[in-house]
Amino acid sequence: MENQDDKKLLLVSTVVPTILVVMMWLVKMIEVFFHLDFSFLGIKPLSIEGLPGIFLFHFIHGDWQHLIANTLPILVLGSALYYFYRPIANKILLILIFTTGLLTWCGARSGTHIGASGLVYGLTFFLMLSGFIRRDRKLIIISLIVIFLYGSLVWGLYPKYAIKNNISWEGHLSGFVMGIVLAIFYKNEGPQREEHVWEDDEDDDDENNDGENPYWDVPEPDKDELTVKYHFKR
């Protein structure tokens, strides 16, 4: 029964990340099939024209390679978020979508910033740090797996490397910062470390004896009673 529940929960956990990815792919297919370019809806820092990009730039990608690079991480990390942090998953995802866009709009260099990389960084560093903060063995294992799979993303935070490869390191940095902030801010919400409660042995013994004194607490018999019994036997 538990296996069926786990499978159902795992399947449900993929729904929102899959919807996000499908939306990204639909946008790119519409661009290609109708010869359109939606990059004008990306973030243009500190401009009124770029404000819609705070919400929309996650769904717009420069080319298929850019889109494919973000697809698998969003599916994997998003599903992990909804499976292990389900009570706060919607909150974390929506805040990351908004704040990574807002920080990029506020502090990025001039140009047009597009792509879901900021969201990927936010999910990555939230999952990396949150398990250690909560000190739960299962969540720590997830953090270690994320570090193993996506620890190399840290290179995308270096401006020289990012600029050389035409990458928005500011979007990456926004996701990095917000992932850490949310892991700390919501450390007391969602799954917590399991606390083991040990029952007192003395209480157990009292319960097992149904209120009677345990064998080591039996009162000594009266001397007269021993004498009576002795004479009777004799």
C-alpha atoms as a PDB file:
ATOM      1  CA  MET A   1       0.000   0.000   0.000  1.00  0.00           C
ATOM      2  CA  GLU A   2       2.858   2.356   0.855  1.00  0.00           C
ATOM      3  CA  ASN A   3       4.537   1.622  -2.485  1.00  0.00           C
ATOM      4  CA  GLN A   4       1.376   2.609  -4.328  1.00  0.00           C
ATOM      5  CA  ASP A   5       1.146   5.832  -2.317  1.00  0.00           C
ATOM      6  CA  ASP A   6       4.800   6.636  -3.057  1.00  0.00           C
ATOM      7  CA  LYS A   7       4.306   6.024  -6.777  1.00  0.00           C
ATOM      8  CA  LYS A   8       1.229   8.226  -6.785  1.00  0.00           C
ATOM      9  CA  LEU A   9       3.054  10.990  -4.914  1.00  0.00           C
ATOM     10  CA  LEU A  10       6.007  10.764  -7.309  1.00  0.00           C
ATOM     11  CA  LEU A  11       3.677  11.032 -10.290  1.00  0.00           C
ATOM     12  CA  VAL A  12       1.841  14.004  -8.799  1.00  0.00           C
ATOM     13  CA  SER A  13       5.166  15.682  -8.028  1.00  0.00           C
ATOM     14  CA  THR A  14       6.022  15.820 -11.734  1.00  0.00           C
ATOM     15  CA  VAL A  15       2.844  17.655 -12.770  1.00  0.00           C
ATOM     16  CA  VAL A  16       3.853  21.291 -12.149  1.00  0.00           C
ATOM     17  CA  PRO A  17       7.437  20.948 -13.466  1.00  0.00           C
ATOM     18  CA  THR A  18       6.085  19.215 -16.579  1.00  0.00           C
ATOM     19  CA  ILE A  19       3.588  22.037 -17.159  1.00  0.00           C
ATOM     20  CA  LEU A  20       6.413  24.597 -16.934  1.00  0.00           C
ATOM     21  CA  VAL A  21       8.539  22.678 -19.420  1.00  0.00           C
ATOM     22  CA  VAL A  22       5.622  22.175 -21.833  1.00  0.00           C
ATOM     23  CA  MET A  23       4.975  25.934 -21.787  1.00  0.00           C
ATOM     24  CA  MET A  24       8.627  26.629 -22.609  1.00  0.00           C
ATOM     25  CA  TRP A  25       8.594  24.168 -25.491  1.00  0.00           C
ATOM     26  CA  LEU A  26       5.325  25.570 -26.830  1.00  0.00           C
ATOM     27  CA  VAL A  27       6.789  29.076 -26.861  1.00  0.00           C
ATOM     28  CA  LYS A  28       9.847  27.908 -28.788  1.00  0.00           C
ATOM     29  CA  MET A  29       7.769  25.872 -31.278  1.00  0.00           C
ATOM     30  CA  ILE A  30       5.494  28.856 -31.930  1.00  0.00           C
ATOM     31  CA  GLU A  31       8.569  31.005 -32.555  1.00  0.00           C
ATOM     32  CA  VAL A  32      10.022  28.490 -35.017  1.00  0.00           C
ATOM     33  CA  PHE A  33       6.835  27.575 -36.877  1.00  0.00           C
ATOM     34  CA  PHE A  34       5.603  31.139 -37.263  1.00  0.00           C
ATOM     35  CA  HIS A  35       9.032  32.749 -37.660  1.00  0.00           C
ATOM     36  CA  LEU A  36       8.603  34.880 -34.573  1.00  0.00           C
ATOM     37  CA  ASP A  37      11.012  36.131 -31.944  1.00  0.00           C
ATOM     38  CA  PHE A  38       9.689  36.618 -28.426  1.00  0.00           C
ATOM     39  CA  SER A  39      12.979  37.819 -27.000  1.00  0.00           C
ATOM     40  CA  PHE A  40      11.534  41.340 -26.835  1.00  0.00           C
ATOM     41  CA  LEU A  41       9.499  40.011 -23.887  1.00  0.00           C
ATOM     42  CA  GLY A  42      12.660  39.243 -21.940  1.00  0.00           C
ATOM     43  CA  ILE A  43      14.100  41.326 -19.127  1.00  0.00           C
ATOM     44  CA  LYS A  44      15.513  44.706 -20.072  1.00  0.00           C
ATOM     45  CA  PRO A  45      17.068  45.903 -16.793  1.00  0.00           C
ATOM     46  CA  LEU A  46      15.736  49.074 -15.187  1.00  0.00           C
ATOM     47  CA  SER A  47      13.334  49.823 -18.041  1.00  0.00           C
ATOM     48  CA  ILE A  48       9.556  49.984 -18.095  1.00  0.00           C
ATOM     49  CA  GLU A  49       9.619  48.003 -21.323  1.00  0.00           C
ATOM     50  CA  GLY A  50      11.422  45.167 -19.555  1.00  0.00           C
ATOM     51  CA  LEU A  51       9.002  44.812 -16.631  1.00  0.00           C
ATOM     52  CA  PRO A  52       6.896  42.010 -18.229  1.00  0.00           C
ATOM     53  CA  GLY A  53      10.095  40.036 -18.572  1.00  0.00           C
ATOM     54  CA  ILE A  54      10.242  39.617 -14.781  1.00  0.00           C
ATOM     55  CA  PHE A  55       7.589  36.918 -15.217  1.00  0.00           C
ATOM     56  CA  LEU A  56       8.046  35.947 -18.865  1.00  0.00           C
ATOM     57  CA  PHE A  57      11.786  35.595 -19.387  1.00  0.00           C
ATOM     58  CA  HIS A  58      11.798  32.080 -17.860  1.00  0.00           C
ATOM     59  CA  PHE A  59       9.729  30.785 -20.794  1.00  0.00           C
ATOM     60  CA  ILE A  60      11.786  32.316 -23.617  1.00  0.00           C
ATOM     61  CA  HIS A  61      14.996  30.708 -24.912  1.00  0.00           C
ATOM     62  CA  GLY A  62      17.504  31.725 -27.533  1.00  0.00           C
ATOM     63  CA  ASP A  63      17.698  28.368 -29.324  1.00  0.00           C
ATOM     64  CA  TRP A  64      16.884  24.690 -28.956  1.00  0.00           C
ATOM     65  CA  GLN A  65      20.168  23.955 -27.204  1.00  0.00           C
ATOM     66  CA  HIS A  66      19.411  26.613 -24.616  1.00  0.00           C
ATOM     67  CA  LEU A  67      15.948  25.144 -24.045  1.00  0.00           C
ATOM     68  CA  ILE A  68      17.158  21.545 -23.849  1.00  0.00           C
ATOM     69  CA  ALA A  69      19.841  22.525 -21.328  1.00  0.00           C
ATOM     70  CA  ASN A  70      17.155  23.852 -18.958  1.00  0.00           C
ATOM     71  CA  THR A  71      14.511  21.172 -19.559  1.00  0.00           C
ATOM     72  CA  LEU A  72      15.945  18.210 -17.649  1.00  0.00           C
ATOM     73  CA  PRO A  73      17.087  20.221 -14.590  1.00  0.00           C
ATOM     74  CA  ILE A  74      13.649  21.771 -14.199  1.00  0.00           C
ATOM     75  CA  LEU A  75      11.975  18.373 -14.433  1.00  0.00           C
ATOM     76  CA  VAL A  76      14.384  16.739 -11.977  1.00  0.00           C
ATOM     77  CA  LEU A  77      14.747  19.586  -9.480  1.00  0.00           C
ATOM     78  CA  GLY A  78      11.105  20.621  -9.697  1.00  0.00           C
ATOM     79  CA  SER A  79       9.916  17.079  -9.081  1.00  0.00           C
ATOM     80  CA  ALA A  80      12.285  16.777  -6.114  1.00  0.00           C
ATOM     81  CA  LEU A  81      10.886  20.015  -4.691  1.00  0.00           C
ATOM     82  CA  TYR A  82       7.289  18.798  -4.966  1.00  0.00           C
ATOM     83  CA  TYR A  83       8.082  15.306  -3.678  1.00  0.00           C
ATOM     84  CA  PHE A  84      10.161  16.187  -0.617  1.00  0.00           C
ATOM     85  CA  TYR A  85       8.895  19.711   0.173  1.00  0.00           C
ATOM     86  CA  ARG A  86       5.306  19.403  -0.974  1.00  0.00           C
ATOM     87  CA  PRO A  87       3.700  21.609   1.756  1.00  0.00           C
ATOM     88  CA  ILE A  88       5.771  24.628   0.673  1.00  0.00           C
ATOM     89  CA  ALA A  89       6.600  23.709  -2.940  1.00  0.00           C
ATOM     90  CA  ASN A  90       4.121  26.085  -4.620  1.00  0.00           C
ATOM     91  CA  LYS A  91       5.279  28.925  -2.417  1.00  0.00           C
ATOM     92  CA  ILE A  92       8.959  28.296  -3.130  1.00  0.00           C
ATOM     93  CA  LEU A  93       8.449  27.966  -6.889  1.00  0.00           C
ATOM     94  CA  LEU A  94       6.332  31.119  -7.261  1.00  0.00           C
ATOM     95  CA  ILE A  95       8.704  33.191  -5.139  1.00  0.00           C
ATOM     96  CA  LEU A  96      11.678  31.970  -7.178  1.00  0.00           C
ATOM     97  CA  ILE A  97       9.949  32.784 -10.462  1.00  0.00           C
ATOM     98  CA  PHE A  98       9.196  36.334  -9.327  1.00  0.00           C
ATOM     99  CA  THR A  99      12.294  37.229  -7.317  1.00  0.00           C
ATOM    100  CA  THR A 100      14.883  35.889  -9.760  1.00  0.00           C
ATOM    101  CA  GLY A 101      13.248  38.012 -12.442  1.00  0.00           C
ATOM    102  CA  LEU A 102      13.024  41.051 -10.181  1.00  0.00           C
ATOM    103  CA  LEU A 103      16.650  40.877  -9.063  1.00  0.00           C
ATOM    104  CA  THR A 104      17.793  40.416 -12.647  1.00  0.00           C
ATOM    105  CA  TRP A 105      15.732  43.432 -13.713  1.00  0.00           C
ATOM    106  CA  CYS A 106      17.196  45.507 -10.887  1.00  0.00           C
ATOM    107  CA  GLY A 107      20.868  44.590 -11.207  1.00  0.00           C
ATOM    108  CA  ALA A 108      21.734  43.020 -14.551  1.00  0.00           C
ATOM    109  CA  ARG A 109      23.850  44.638 -17.236  1.00  0.00           C
ATOM    110  CA  SER A 110      22.149  46.244 -20.210  1.00  0.00           C
ATOM    111  CA  GLY A 111      20.733  43.917 -22.835  1.00  0.00           C
ATOM    112  CA  THR A 112      17.923  41.374 -23.011  1.00  0.00           C
ATOM    113  CA  HIS A 113      17.957  38.495 -20.550  1.00  0.00           C
ATOM    114  CA  ILE A 114      15.986  35.326 -21.335  1.00  0.00           C
ATOM    115  CA  GLY A 115      15.884  31.705 -20.205  1.00  0.00           C
ATOM    116  CA  ALA A 116      14.976  29.616 -17.172  1.00  0.00           C
ATOM    117  CA  SER A 117      18.537  29.276 -15.873  1.00  0.00           C
ATOM    118  CA  GLY A 118      17.813  31.574 -12.942  1.00  0.00           C
ATOM    119  CA  LEU A 119      14.997  29.284 -11.865  1.00  0.00           C
ATOM    120  CA  VAL A 120      17.282  26.256 -12.229  1.00  0.00           C
ATOM    121  CA  TYR A 121      19.865  27.897  -9.968  1.00  0.00           C
ATOM    122  CA  GLY A 122      17.193  28.813  -7.424  1.00  0.00           C
ATOM    123  CA  LEU A 123      15.880  25.256  -7.228  1.00  0.00           C
ATOM    124  CA  THR A 124      19.389  23.802  -7.134  1.00  0.00           C
ATOM    125  CA  PHE A 125      20.676  25.864  -4.230  1.00  0.00           C
ATOM    126  CA  PHE A 126      17.431  25.623  -2.278  1.00  0.00           C
ATOM    127  CA  LEU A 127      17.610  21.817  -2.418  1.00  0.00           C
ATOM    128  CA  MET A 128      21.358  21.800  -1.761  1.00  0.00           C
ATOM    129  CA  LEU A 129      21.159  23.846   1.430  1.00  0.00           C
ATOM    130  CA  SER A 130      17.751  22.999   2.828  1.00  0.00           C
ATOM    131  CA  GLY A 131      18.554  19.381   3.679  1.00  0.00           C
ATOM    132  CA  PHE A 132      21.590  20.344   5.754  1.00  0.00           C
ATOM    133  CA  ILE A 133      19.716  23.111   7.554  1.00  0.00           C
ATOM    134  CA  ARG A 134      16.878  20.767   8.527  1.00  0.00           C
ATOM    135  CA  ARG A 135      19.372  18.023   9.543  1.00  0.00           C
ATOM    136  CA  ASP A 136      17.090  15.316   8.241  1.00  0.00           C
ATOM    137  CA  ARG A 137      18.974  12.285   6.920  1.00  0.00           C
ATOM    138  CA  LYS A 138      16.690  11.750   3.919  1.00  0.00           C
ATOM    139  CA  LEU A 139      16.816  15.414   2.903  1.00  0.00           C
ATOM    140  CA  ILE A 140      20.594  15.538   3.372  1.00  0.00           C
ATOM    141  CA  ILE A 141      20.896  12.627   0.943  1.00  0.00           C
ATOM    142  CA  ILE A 142      18.836  14.595  -1.578  1.00  0.00           C
ATOM    143  CA  SER A 143      21.113  17.598  -1.051  1.00  0.00           C
ATOM    144  CA  LEU A 144      24.182  15.461  -1.726  1.00  0.00           C
ATOM    145  CA  ILE A 145      22.613  14.029  -4.887  1.00  0.00           C
ATOM    146  CA  VAL A 146      21.836  17.545  -6.139  1.00  0.00           C
ATOM    147  CA  ILE A 147      25.413  18.620  -5.391  1.00  0.00           C
ATOM    148  CA  PHE A 148      26.702  15.619  -7.342  1.00  0.00           C
ATOM    149  CA  LEU A 149      24.416  16.262 -10.319  1.00  0.00           C
ATOM    150  CA  TYR A 150      24.450  20.053 -10.498  1.00  0.00           C
ATOM    151  CA  GLY A 151      27.348  21.258  -8.379  1.00  0.00           C
ATOM    152  CA  SER A 152      29.173  22.346 -11.534  1.00  0.00           C
ATOM    153  CA  LEU A 153      26.566  25.086 -12.000  1.00  0.00           C
ATOM    154  CA  VAL A 154      28.708  27.209  -9.721  1.00  0.00           C
ATOM    155  CA  TRP A 155      30.870  28.046 -12.761  1.00  0.00           C
ATOM    156  CA  GLY A 156      27.932  29.939 -14.215  1.00  0.00           C
ATOM    157  CA  LEU A 157      28.249  32.464 -11.380  1.00  0.00           C
ATOM    158  CA  TYR A 158      31.632  33.749 -12.597  1.00  0.00           C
ATOM    159  CA  PRO A 159      31.141  36.858 -14.763  1.00  0.00           C
ATOM    160  CA  LYS A 160      34.138  36.249 -17.057  1.00  0.00           C
ATOM    161  CA  TYR A 161      33.085  32.671 -17.820  1.00  0.00           C
ATOM    162  CA  ALA A 162      29.422  33.658 -18.288  1.00  0.00           C
ATOM    163  CA  ILE A 163      30.062  36.691 -20.463  1.00  0.00           C
ATOM    164  CA  LYS A 164      32.478  34.718 -22.638  1.00  0.00           C
ATOM    165  CA  ASN A 165      29.714  32.175 -23.286  1.00  0.00           C
ATOM    166  CA  ASN A 166      26.961  34.783 -23.673  1.00  0.00           C
ATOM    167  CA  ILE A 167      25.309  33.689 -20.421  1.00  0.00           C
ATOM    168  CA  SER A 168      23.325  35.889 -18.041  1.00  0.00           C
ATOM    169  CA  TRP A 169      25.389  35.377 -14.902  1.00  0.00           C
ATOM    170  CA  GLU A 170      23.169  37.960 -13.201  1.00  0.00           C
ATOM    171  CA  GLY A 171      20.173  35.654 -13.621  1.00  0.00           C
ATOM    172  CA  HIS A 172      22.228  32.792 -12.234  1.00  0.00           C
ATOM    173  CA  LEU A 173      23.327  34.897  -9.282  1.00  0.00           C
ATOM    174  CA  SER A 174      19.721  35.910  -8.603  1.00  0.00           C
ATOM    175  CA  GLY A 175      18.671  32.267  -8.443  1.00  0.00           C
ATOM    176  CA  PHE A 176      21.680  31.375  -6.287  1.00  0.00           C
ATOM    177  CA  VAL A 177      20.891  34.123  -3.763  1.00  0.00           C
ATOM    178  CA  MET A 178      17.163  33.441  -3.598  1.00  0.00           C
ATOM    179  CA  GLY A 179      17.631  29.675  -3.293  1.00  0.00           C
ATOM    180  CA  ILE A 180      19.802  30.198  -0.209  1.00  0.00           C
ATOM    181  CA  VAL A 181      17.520  32.879   1.261  1.00  0.00           C
ATOM    182  CA  LEU A 182      14.409  30.702   0.888  1.00  0.00           C
ATOM    183  CA  ALA A 183      16.153  27.627   2.337  1.00  0.00           C
ATOM    184  CA  ILE A 184      16.955  29.643   5.472  1.00  0.00           C
ATOM    185  CA  PHE A 185      13.702  31.592   5.667  1.00  0.00           C
ATOM    186  CA  TYR A 186      11.468  28.508   5.366  1.00  0.00           C
ATOM    187  CA  LYS A 187      13.632  26.171   7.438  1.00  0.00           C
ATOM    188  CA  ASN A 188      10.827  25.717   9.990  1.00  0.00           C
ATOM    189  CA  GLU A 189       8.132  25.015   7.404  1.00  0.00           C
ATOM    190  CA  GLY A 190       7.624  21.797   5.488  1.00  0.00           C
ATOM    191  CA  PRO A 191       9.393  18.525   6.349  1.00  0.00           C
ATOM    192  CA  GLN A 192      11.360  18.463   9.591  1.00  0.00           C
ATOM    193  CA  ARG A 193      13.869  16.169  11.232  1.00  0.00           C
ATOM    194  CA  GLU A 194      12.226  13.156  12.862  1.00  0.00           C
ATOM    195  CA  GLU A 195      12.459  13.202  16.647  1.00  0.00           C
ATOM    196  CA  HIS A 196      12.726   9.819  18.389  1.00  0.00           C
ATOM    197  CA  VAL A 197      10.964   9.560  21.762  1.00  0.00           C
ATOM    198  CA  TRP A 198      12.241   6.906  24.167  1.00  0.00           C
ATOM    199  CA  GLU A 199       9.842   5.682  26.840  1.00  0.00           C
ATOM    200  CA  ASP A 200      10.996   5.365  30.453  1.00  0.00           C
ATOM    201  CA  ASP A 201      11.777   1.740  31.391  1.00  0.00           C
ATOM    202  CA  GLU A 202      10.414   2.289  34.866  1.00  0.00           C
ATOM    203  CA  ASP A 203       7.096   3.422  33.453  1.00  0.00           C
ATOM    204  CA  ASP A 204       6.999   0.374  31.177  1.00  0.00           C
ATOM    205  CA  ASP A 205       7.603  -1.956  34.097  1.00  0.00           C
ATOM    206  CA  ASP A 206       4.858  -0.295  36.089  1.00  0.00           C
ATOM    207  CA  GLU A 207       2.459  -0.690  33.191  1.00  0.00           C
ATOM    208  CA  ASN A 208       3.423  -4.329  32.634  1.00  0.00           C
ATOM    209  CA  ASN A 209       2.696  -5.102  36.266  1.00  0.00           C
ATOM    210  CA  ASP A 210      -0.769  -3.491  36.016  1.00  0.00           C
ATOM    211  CA  GLY A 211      -0.146  -1.194  38.926  1.00  0.00           C
ATOM    212  CA  GLU A 212       1.430  -3.893  41.165  1.00  0.00           C
ATOM    213  CA  ASN A 213       4.828  -3.453  42.726  1.00  0.00           C
ATOM    214  CA  PRO A 214       7.714  -4.927  40.715  1.00  0.00           C
ATOM    215  CA  TYR A 215       9.503  -7.954  42.147  1.00  0.00           C
ATOM    216  CA  TRP A 216      12.348  -5.878  43.588  1.00  0.00           C
ATOM    217  CA  ASP A 217       9.893  -3.679  45.449  1.00  0.00           C
ATOM    218  CA  VAL A 218       7.981  -6.447  47.290  1.00  0.00           C
ATOM    219  CA  PRO A 219       7.740  -5.663  51.063  1.00  0.00           C
ATOM    220  CA  GLU A 220       9.399  -8.044  53.497  1.00  0.00           C
ATOM    221  CA  PRO A 221       6.957 -10.403  55.249  1.00  0.00           C
ATOM    222  CA  ASP A 222       6.183  -9.906  58.936  1.00  0.00           C
ATOM    223  CA  LYS A 223       8.243 -12.026  61.379  1.00  0.00           C
ATOM    224  CA  ASP A 224       5.131 -13.259  63.199  1.00  0.00           C
ATOM    225  CA  GLU A 225       3.721 -14.453  59.929  1.00  0.00           C
ATOM    226  CA  LEU A 226       6.888 -16.450  59.274  1.00  0.00           C
ATOM    227  CA  THR A 227       6.689 -17.995  62.735  1.00  0.00           C
ATOM    228  CA  VAL A 228       3.081 -19.051  62.290  1.00  0.00           C
ATOM    229  CA  LYS A 229       3.893 -20.685  59.012  1.00  0.00           C
ATOM    230  CA  TYR A 230       6.852 -22.478  60.536  1.00  0.00           C
ATOM    231  CA  HIS A 231       4.869 -23.996  63.400  1.00  0.00           C
ATOM    232  CA  PHE A 232       2.122 -24.990  60.998  1.00  0.00           C
ATOM    233  CA  LYS A 233       4.503 -26.900  58.822  1.00  0.00           C
ATOM    234  CA  ARG A 234       6.103 -28.588  61.714  1.00  0.00           C
END
